All heavy atoms as atom14 arrays in JSON, in Angstrom:
{
  "sequence": "ELGPLLCDTARVVETLCRPEQTYVCMWSHGRDARKHLHI",
  "atom14_mask": [
    [1, 1, 1, 1, 1, 1, 1, 1, 1, 0, 0, 0, 0, 0],
    [1, 1, 1, 1, 1, 1, 1, 1, 0, 0, 0, 0, 0, 0],
    [1, 1, 1, 1, 0, 0, 0, 0, 0, 0, 0, 0, 0, 0],
    [1, 1, 1, 1, 1, 1, 1, 0, 0, 0, 0, 0, 0, 0],
    [1, 1, 1, 1, 1, 1, 1, 1, 0, 0, 0, 0, 0, 0],
    [1, 1, 1, 1, 1, 1, 1, 1, 0, 0, 0, 0, 0, 0],
    [1, 1, 1, 1, 1, 1, 0, 0, 0, 0, 0, 0, 0, 0],
    [1, 1, 1, 1, 1, 1, 1, 1, 0, 0, 0, 0, 0, 0],
    [1, 1, 1, 1, 1, 1, 1, 0, 0, 0, 0, 0, 0, 0],
    [1, 1, 1, 1, 1, 0, 0, 0, 0, 0, 0, 0, 0, 0],
    [1, 1, 1, 1, 1, 1, 1, 1, 1, 1, 1, 0, 0, 0],
    [1, 1, 1, 1, 1, 1, 1, 0, 0, 0, 0, 0, 0, 0],
    [1, 1, 1, 1, 1, 1, 1, 0, 0, 0, 0, 0, 0, 0],
    [1, 1, 1, 1, 1, 1, 1, 1, 1, 0, 0, 0, 0, 0],
    [1, 1, 1, 1, 1, 1, 1, 0, 0, 0, 0, 0, 0, 0],
    [1, 1, 1, 1, 1, 1, 1, 1, 0, 0, 0, 0, 0, 0],
    [1, 1, 1, 1, 1, 1, 0, 0, 0, 0, 0, 0, 0, 0],
    [1, 1, 1, 1, 1, 1, 1, 1, 1, 1, 1, 0, 0, 0],
    [1, 1, 1, 1, 1, 1, 1, 0, 0, 0, 0, 0, 0, 0],
    [1, 1, 1, 1, 1, 1, 1, 1, 1, 0, 0, 0, 0, 0],
    [1, 1, 1, 1, 1, 1, 1, 1, 1, 0, 0, 0, 0, 0],
    [1, 1, 1, 1, 1, 1, 1, 0, 0, 0, 0, 0, 0, 0],
    [1, 1, 1, 1, 1, 1, 1, 1, 1, 1, 1, 1, 0, 0],
    [1, 1, 1, 1, 1, 1, 1, 0, 0, 0, 0, 0, 0, 0],
    [1, 1, 1, 1, 1, 1, 0, 0, 0, 0, 0, 0, 0, 0],
    [1, 1, 1, 1, 1, 1, 1, 1, 0, 0, 0, 0, 0, 0],
    [1, 1, 1, 1, 1, 1, 1, 1, 1, 1, 1, 1, 1, 1],
    [1, 1, 1, 1, 1, 1, 0, 0, 0, 0, 0, 0, 0, 0],
    [1, 1, 1, 1, 1, 1, 1, 1, 1, 1, 0, 0, 0, 0],
    [1, 1, 1, 1, 0, 0, 0, 0, 0, 0, 0, 0, 0, 0],
    [1, 1, 1, 1, 1, 1, 1, 1, 1, 1, 1, 0, 0, 0],
    [1, 1, 1, 1, 1, 1, 1, 1, 0, 0, 0, 0, 0, 0],
    [1, 1, 1, 1, 1, 0, 0, 0, 0, 0, 0, 0, 0, 0],
    [1, 1, 1, 1, 1, 1, 1, 1, 1, 1, 1, 0, 0, 0],
    [1, 1, 1, 1, 1, 1, 1, 1, 1, 0, 0, 0, 0, 0],
    [1, 1, 1, 1, 1, 1, 1, 1, 1, 1, 0, 0, 0, 0],
    [1, 1, 1, 1, 1, 1, 1, 1, 0, 0, 0, 0, 0, 0],
    [1, 1, 1, 1, 1, 1, 1, 1, 1, 1, 0, 0, 0, 0],
    [1, 1, 1, 1, 1, 1, 1, 1, 0, 0, 0, 0, 0, 0]
  ],
  "atom14_positions": [
    [[89.8, 28.81, -44.36], [89.86, 28.15, -43.02], [90.6, 26.8, -43.05], [91.13, 26.35, -42.07], [88.44, 27.92, -42.52], [87.71, 29.19, -42.16], [86.22, 28.95, -41.82], [85.73, 27.85, -42.01], [85.58, 29.91, -41.38], [0.0, 0.0, 0.0], [0.0, 0.0, 0.0], [0.0, 0.0, 0.0], [0.0, 0.0, 0.0], [0.0, 0.0, 0.0]],
    [[90.61, 26.15, -44.22], [91.16, 24.79, -44.33], [92.67, 24.67, -43.95], [93.06, 23.84, -43.2], [90.91, 24.21, -45.72], [91.42, 22.78, -45.94], [90.73, 21.84, -44.97], [91.17, 22.37, -47.38], [0.0, 0.0, 0.0], [0.0, 0.0, 0.0], [0.0, 0.0, 0.0], [0.0, 0.0, 0.0], [0.0, 0.0, 0.0], [0.0, 0.0, 0.0]],
    [[93.47, 25.61, -44.54], [94.93, 25.54, -44.24], [95.25, 25.62, -42.77], [95.96, 24.72, -42.27], [0.0, 0.0, 0.0], [0.0, 0.0, 0.0], [0.0, 0.0, 0.0], [0.0, 0.0, 0.0], [0.0, 0.0, 0.0], [0.0, 0.0, 0.0], [0.0, 0.0, 0.0], [0.0, 0.0, 0.0], [0.0, 0.0, 0.0], [0.0, 0.0, 0.0]],
    [[94.82, 26.66, -42.09], [95.07, 26.76, -40.66], [94.52, 25.57, -39.84], [95.19, 25.12, -38.93], [94.44, 28.08, -40.23], [94.46, 28.88, -41.51], [94.16, 27.89, -42.6], [0.0, 0.0, 0.0], [0.0, 0.0, 0.0], [0.0, 0.0, 0.0], [0.0, 0.0, 0.0], [0.0, 0.0, 0.0], [0.0, 0.0, 0.0], [0.0, 0.0, 0.0]],
    [[93.33, 25.08, -40.26], [92.74, 23.98, -39.54], [93.58, 22.7, -39.72], [93.83, 21.97, -38.79], [91.32, 23.7, -39.99], [90.61, 22.48, -39.39], [90.54, 22.62, -37.85], [89.22, 22.37, -39.98], [0.0, 0.0, 0.0], [0.0, 0.0, 0.0], [0.0, 0.0, 0.0], [0.0, 0.0, 0.0], [0.0, 0.0, 0.0], [0.0, 0.0, 0.0]],
    [[94.03, 22.46, -40.95], [94.9, 21.31, -41.15], [96.22, 21.41, -40.4], [96.71, 20.42, -39.85], [95.19, 21.09, -42.68], [93.99, 20.54, -43.47], [94.38, 20.52, -44.98], [93.61, 19.2, -43.0], [0.0, 0.0, 0.0], [0.0, 0.0, 0.0], [0.0, 0.0, 0.0], [0.0, 0.0, 0.0], [0.0, 0.0, 0.0], [0.0, 0.0, 0.0]],
    [[96.78, 22.61, -40.4], [98.04, 22.85, -39.61], [97.8, 22.55, -38.16], [98.59, 21.88, -37.49], [98.48, 24.25, -39.87], [100.11, 24.59, -39.25], [0.0, 0.0, 0.0], [0.0, 0.0, 0.0], [0.0, 0.0, 0.0], [0.0, 0.0, 0.0], [0.0, 0.0, 0.0], [0.0, 0.0, 0.0], [0.0, 0.0, 0.0], [0.0, 0.0, 0.0]],
    [[96.76, 23.08, -37.58], [96.43, 22.86, -36.17], [96.21, 21.38, -35.86], [96.66, 20.81, -34.87], [95.21, 23.66, -35.72], [95.47, 25.13, -35.63], [96.65, 25.54, -35.69], [94.48, 25.9, -35.55], [0.0, 0.0, 0.0], [0.0, 0.0, 0.0], [0.0, 0.0, 0.0], [0.0, 0.0, 0.0], [0.0, 0.0, 0.0], [0.0, 0.0, 0.0]],
    [[95.52, 20.71, -36.79], [95.23, 19.26, -36.62], [96.51, 18.48, -36.65], [96.73, 17.57, -35.83], [94.26, 18.77, -37.7], [93.06, 19.57, -37.64], [93.88, 17.34, -37.52], [0.0, 0.0, 0.0], [0.0, 0.0, 0.0], [0.0, 0.0, 0.0], [0.0, 0.0, 0.0], [0.0, 0.0, 0.0], [0.0, 0.0, 0.0], [0.0, 0.0, 0.0]],
    [[97.38, 18.8, -37.58], [98.71, 18.11, -37.67], [99.52, 18.39, -36.38], [100.18, 17.49, -35.88], [99.43, 18.54, -38.88], [0.0, 0.0, 0.0], [0.0, 0.0, 0.0], [0.0, 0.0, 0.0], [0.0, 0.0, 0.0], [0.0, 0.0, 0.0], [0.0, 0.0, 0.0], [0.0, 0.0, 0.0], [0.0, 0.0, 0.0], [0.0, 0.0, 0.0]],
    [[99.44, 19.57, -35.83], [100.17, 19.89, -34.59], [99.63, 19.08, -33.46], [100.4, 18.57, -32.61], [99.95, 21.36, -34.27], [100.83, 22.29, -35.1], [100.69, 23.73, -34.62], [101.51, 24.58, -35.44], [101.05, 25.66, -36.17], [99.78, 25.95, -36.1], [101.87, 26.3, -36.93], [0.0, 0.0, 0.0], [0.0, 0.0, 0.0], [0.0, 0.0, 0.0]],
    [[98.28, 18.92, -33.39], [97.72, 18.07, -32.32], [98.2, 16.64, -32.48], [98.65, 16.01, -31.49], [96.16, 18.15, -32.37], [95.53, 17.04, -31.52], [95.72, 19.51, -31.93], [0.0, 0.0, 0.0], [0.0, 0.0, 0.0], [0.0, 0.0, 0.0], [0.0, 0.0, 0.0], [0.0, 0.0, 0.0], [0.0, 0.0, 0.0], [0.0, 0.0, 0.0]],
    [[98.13, 16.07, -33.67], [98.54, 14.72, -33.91], [100.04, 14.55, -33.59], [100.4, 13.56, -32.9], [98.23, 14.28, -35.37], [98.95, 13.02, -35.77], [96.75, 14.16, -35.57], [0.0, 0.0, 0.0], [0.0, 0.0, 0.0], [0.0, 0.0, 0.0], [0.0, 0.0, 0.0], [0.0, 0.0, 0.0], [0.0, 0.0, 0.0], [0.0, 0.0, 0.0]],
    [[100.88, 15.44, -34.04], [102.3, 15.32, -33.78], [102.62, 15.48, -32.28], [103.5, 14.79, -31.78], [103.09, 16.38, -34.62], [102.91, 16.05, -36.09], [104.17, 16.18, -36.88], [105.19, 16.66, -36.36], [104.16, 15.76, -38.04], [0.0, 0.0, 0.0], [0.0, 0.0, 0.0], [0.0, 0.0, 0.0], [0.0, 0.0, 0.0], [0.0, 0.0, 0.0]],
    [[101.97, 16.36, -31.65], [102.19, 16.55, -30.2], [101.86, 15.35, -29.41], [102.57, 14.91, -28.48], [101.45, 17.8, -29.67], [101.9, 18.95, -30.4], [101.62, 17.98, -28.18], [0.0, 0.0, 0.0], [0.0, 0.0, 0.0], [0.0, 0.0, 0.0], [0.0, 0.0, 0.0], [0.0, 0.0, 0.0], [0.0, 0.0, 0.0], [0.0, 0.0, 0.0]],
    [[100.65, 14.75, -29.7], [100.15, 13.68, -28.91], [100.75, 12.32, -29.31], [100.87, 11.4, -28.47], [98.62, 13.57, -28.97], [97.89, 14.78, -28.41], [96.4, 14.62, -28.59], [98.26, 15.03, -26.95], [0.0, 0.0, 0.0], [0.0, 0.0, 0.0], [0.0, 0.0, 0.0], [0.0, 0.0, 0.0], [0.0, 0.0, 0.0], [0.0, 0.0, 0.0]],
    [[101.15, 12.12, -30.53], [101.58, 10.79, -31.03], [103.06, 10.7, -31.33], [103.59, 9.61, -31.41], [100.79, 10.42, -32.3], [99.03, 10.37, -32.05], [0.0, 0.0, 0.0], [0.0, 0.0, 0.0], [0.0, 0.0, 0.0], [0.0, 0.0, 0.0], [0.0, 0.0, 0.0], [0.0, 0.0, 0.0], [0.0, 0.0, 0.0], [0.0, 0.0, 0.0]],
    [[103.71, 11.81, -31.51], [105.15, 11.85, -31.79], [105.53, 10.87, -32.92], [106.44, 10.07, -32.8], [105.98, 11.5, -30.54], [105.75, 12.39, -29.41], [106.46, 13.71, -29.61], [106.33, 14.51, -28.41], [106.19, 15.82, -28.44], [106.22, 16.47, -29.57], [106.12, 16.49, -27.3], [0.0, 0.0, 0.0], [0.0, 0.0, 0.0], [0.0, 0.0, 0.0]],
    [[104.87, 10.99, -34.09], [105.1, 10.08, -35.18], [106.37, 10.5, -35.97], [106.87, 11.63, -35.88], [103.93, 10.28, -36.09], [103.53, 11.68, -35.89], [103.8, 11.94, -34.4], [0.0, 0.0, 0.0], [0.0, 0.0, 0.0], [0.0, 0.0, 0.0], [0.0, 0.0, 0.0], [0.0, 0.0, 0.0], [0.0, 0.0, 0.0], [0.0, 0.0, 0.0]],
    [[106.9, 9.53, -36.72], [108.02, 9.83, -37.62], [107.52, 10.68, -38.79], [108.21, 11.53, -39.33], [108.68, 8.54, -38.14], [109.55, 7.85, -37.15], [108.78, 7.02, -36.13], [107.65, 6.59, -36.38], [109.34, 6.79, -34.99], [0.0, 0.0, 0.0], [0.0, 0.0, 0.0], [0.0, 0.0, 0.0], [0.0, 0.0, 0.0], [0.0, 0.0, 0.0]],
    [[106.26, 10.41, -39.17], [105.58, 11.2, -40.24], [104.1, 11.37, -39.9], [103.54, 10.54, -39.22], [105.69, 10.51, -41.57], [107.03, 10.52, -42.21], [106.99, 10.21, -43.68], [105.98, 10.48, -44.36], [108.01, 9.65, -44.22], [0.0, 0.0, 0.0], [0.0, 0.0, 0.0], [0.0, 0.0, 0.0], [0.0, 0.0, 0.0], [0.0, 0.0, 0.0]],
    [[103.59, 12.46, -40.38], [102.12, 12.63, -40.33], [101.63, 12.76, -41.76], [102.01, 13.67, -42.49], [101.77, 13.88, -39.49], [102.29, 13.74, -38.17], [100.27, 14.07, -39.49], [0.0, 0.0, 0.0], [0.0, 0.0, 0.0], [0.0, 0.0, 0.0], [0.0, 0.0, 0.0], [0.0, 0.0, 0.0], [0.0, 0.0, 0.0], [0.0, 0.0, 0.0]],
    [[100.77, 11.81, -42.15], [100.19, 11.84, -43.47], [98.98, 12.76, -43.45], [98.18, 12.73, -42.5], [99.71, 10.44, -43.88], [100.76, 9.4, -44.12], [100.39, 8.09, -44.38], [102.13, 9.69, -44.07], [101.35, 7.1, -44.59], [103.05, 8.71, -44.3], [102.69, 7.43, -44.55], [103.63, 6.45, -44.77], [0.0, 0.0, 0.0], [0.0, 0.0, 0.0]],
    [[98.81, 13.57, -44.5], [97.63, 14.35, -44.69], [97.16, 14.05, -46.12], [97.86, 14.37, -47.06], [97.91, 15.87, -44.52], [96.66, 16.72, -44.79], [98.47, 16.15, -43.12], [0.0, 0.0, 0.0], [0.0, 0.0, 0.0], [0.0, 0.0, 0.0], [0.0, 0.0, 0.0], [0.0, 0.0, 0.0], [0.0, 0.0, 0.0], [0.0, 0.0, 0.0]],
    [[95.99, 13.42, -46.19], [95.51, 13.02, -47.53], [93.98, 13.11, -47.58], [93.32, 13.01, -46.59], [95.98, 11.59, -47.88], [95.44, 10.36, -46.72], [0.0, 0.0, 0.0], [0.0, 0.0, 0.0], [0.0, 0.0, 0.0], [0.0, 0.0, 0.0], [0.0, 0.0, 0.0], [0.0, 0.0, 0.0], [0.0, 0.0, 0.0], [0.0, 0.0, 0.0]],
    [[93.53, 13.36, -48.8], [92.11, 13.57, -49.06], [91.48, 12.26, -49.52], [92.05, 11.52, -50.29], [91.96, 14.59, -50.18], [90.47, 14.98, -50.35], [90.18, 15.77, -51.97], [90.2, 14.34, -53.0], [0.0, 0.0, 0.0], [0.0, 0.0, 0.0], [0.0, 0.0, 0.0], [0.0, 0.0, 0.0], [0.0, 0.0, 0.0], [0.0, 0.0, 0.0]],
    [[90.29, 12.06, -49.02], [89.45, 10.91, -49.47], [88.06, 11.42, -49.7], [87.51, 12.17, -48.94], [89.33, 9.88, -48.31], [90.67, 9.27, -47.89], [91.59, 9.9, -47.09], [91.19, 8.01, -48.14], [92.65, 9.11, -46.91], [92.4, 7.89, -47.51], [90.68, 6.93, -48.85], [93.19, 6.76, -47.58], [91.48, 5.79, -48.93], [92.69, 5.71, -48.29]],
    [[87.43, 10.98, -50.78], [86.03, 11.34, -51.03], [85.31, 10.22, -51.77], [84.3, 10.43, -52.42], [85.89, 12.67, -51.77], [86.39, 12.58, -53.07], [0.0, 0.0, 0.0], [0.0, 0.0, 0.0], [0.0, 0.0, 0.0], [0.0, 0.0, 0.0], [0.0, 0.0, 0.0], [0.0, 0.0, 0.0], [0.0, 0.0, 0.0], [0.0, 0.0, 0.0]],
    [[85.91, 9.05, -51.79], [85.36, 7.91, -52.57], [84.05, 7.49, -52.0], [83.82, 7.27, -50.82], [86.29, 6.73, -52.57], [87.58, 7.0, -53.35], [88.78, 7.22, -52.76], [87.74, 7.1, -54.69], [89.68, 7.4, -53.71], [89.06, 7.34, -54.88], [0.0, 0.0, 0.0], [0.0, 0.0, 0.0], [0.0, 0.0, 0.0], [0.0, 0.0, 0.0]],
    [[83.11, 7.25, -52.91], [81.92, 6.52, -52.64], [81.99, 5.24, -53.5], [83.0, 4.95, -54.11], [0.0, 0.0, 0.0], [0.0, 0.0, 0.0], [0.0, 0.0, 0.0], [0.0, 0.0, 0.0], [0.0, 0.0, 0.0], [0.0, 0.0, 0.0], [0.0, 0.0, 0.0], [0.0, 0.0, 0.0], [0.0, 0.0, 0.0], [0.0, 0.0, 0.0]],
    [[80.93, 4.48, -53.56], [80.94, 3.29, -54.31], [81.19, 3.55, -55.84], [82.04, 2.97, -56.42], [79.65, 2.5, -54.15], [79.58, 1.23, -54.97], [78.51, 0.36, -54.46], [78.96, -0.08, -53.16], [78.76, -1.28, -52.68], [78.15, -2.14, -53.38], [79.21, -1.57, -51.5], [0.0, 0.0, 0.0], [0.0, 0.0, 0.0], [0.0, 0.0, 0.0]],
    [[80.38, 4.48, -56.38], [80.53, 4.71, -57.82], [80.87, 6.15, -58.14], [81.04, 6.51, -59.28], [79.19, 4.41, -58.51], [78.85, 2.95, -58.34], [79.74, 2.1, -58.47], [77.66, 2.62, -58.09], [0.0, 0.0, 0.0], [0.0, 0.0, 0.0], [0.0, 0.0, 0.0], [0.0, 0.0, 0.0], [0.0, 0.0, 0.0], [0.0, 0.0, 0.0]],
    [[80.93, 7.01, -57.14], [81.15, 8.41, -57.37], [81.72, 9.04, -56.12], [81.74, 8.42, -55.04], [79.85, 9.12, -57.8], [0.0, 0.0, 0.0], [0.0, 0.0, 0.0], [0.0, 0.0, 0.0], [0.0, 0.0, 0.0], [0.0, 0.0, 0.0], [0.0, 0.0, 0.0], [0.0, 0.0, 0.0], [0.0, 0.0, 0.0], [0.0, 0.0, 0.0]],
    [[82.11, 10.29, -56.2], [82.58, 10.99, -55.01], [81.42, 11.07, -54.02], [80.27, 11.22, -54.42], [82.99, 12.44, -55.38], [84.23, 12.48, -56.27], [84.5, 13.92, -56.67], [85.62, 14.03, -57.57], [86.1, 15.17, -58.0], [85.5, 16.33, -57.67], [87.07, 15.2, -58.84], [0.0, 0.0, 0.0], [0.0, 0.0, 0.0], [0.0, 0.0, 0.0]],
    [[81.75, 10.99, -52.78], [80.74, 10.94, -51.74], [80.74, 12.2, -50.86], [79.82, 12.93, -50.81], [80.9, 9.69, -50.92], [79.77, 9.44, -49.95], [79.93, 8.06, -49.31], [78.81, 7.88, -48.31], [78.86, 6.59, -47.67], [0.0, 0.0, 0.0], [0.0, 0.0, 0.0], [0.0, 0.0, 0.0], [0.0, 0.0, 0.0], [0.0, 0.0, 0.0]],
    [[81.81, 12.42, -50.14], [81.96, 13.55, -49.22], [83.43, 13.75, -48.95], [84.17, 12.76, -48.77], [81.18, 13.33, -47.91], [81.12, 14.55, -47.04], [80.29, 15.63, -47.3], [81.88, 14.95, -45.97], [80.46, 16.56, -46.4], [81.44, 16.16, -45.57], [0.0, 0.0, 0.0], [0.0, 0.0, 0.0], [0.0, 0.0, 0.0], [0.0, 0.0, 0.0]],
    [[83.87, 14.98, -48.88], [85.29, 15.31, -48.67], [85.69, 14.97, -47.23], [85.03, 15.43, -46.29], [85.51, 16.75, -48.98], [86.97, 17.24, -48.71], [87.92, 16.61, -49.69], [86.97, 18.8, -48.88], [0.0, 0.0, 0.0], [0.0, 0.0, 0.0], [0.0, 0.0, 0.0], [0.0, 0.0, 0.0], [0.0, 0.0, 0.0], [0.0, 0.0, 0.0]],
    [[86.72, 14.16, -47.13], [87.36, 13.84, -45.8], [88.84, 14.0, -45.99], [89.37, 13.49, -47.0], [87.06, 12.42, -45.36], [85.6, 12.14, -45.11], [84.81, 11.67, -46.11], [84.89, 12.3, -44.03], [83.58, 11.49, -45.61], [83.58, 11.89, -44.34], [0.0, 0.0, 0.0], [0.0, 0.0, 0.0], [0.0, 0.0, 0.0], [0.0, 0.0, 0.0]],
    [[89.52, 14.62, -45.04], [90.95, 14.74, -45.11], [91.46, 14.04, -43.86], [91.16, 14.44, -42.73], [91.4, 16.19, -45.16], [90.82, 16.83, -46.41], [92.93, 16.27, -45.15], [91.04, 18.35, -46.53], [0.0, 0.0, 0.0], [0.0, 0.0, 0.0], [0.0, 0.0, 0.0], [0.0, 0.0, 0.0], [0.0, 0.0, 0.0], [0.0, 0.0, 0.0]]
  ]
}
């Protein structure tokens, strides 16, 4: 499900914002360890 969801999300962002670039990056940092996956 992740690939199509990221593609749809990028389409929404690009359609509404018309950016020169759309960054897609993963974050899961907590203070001392991984916390929760966010893209």
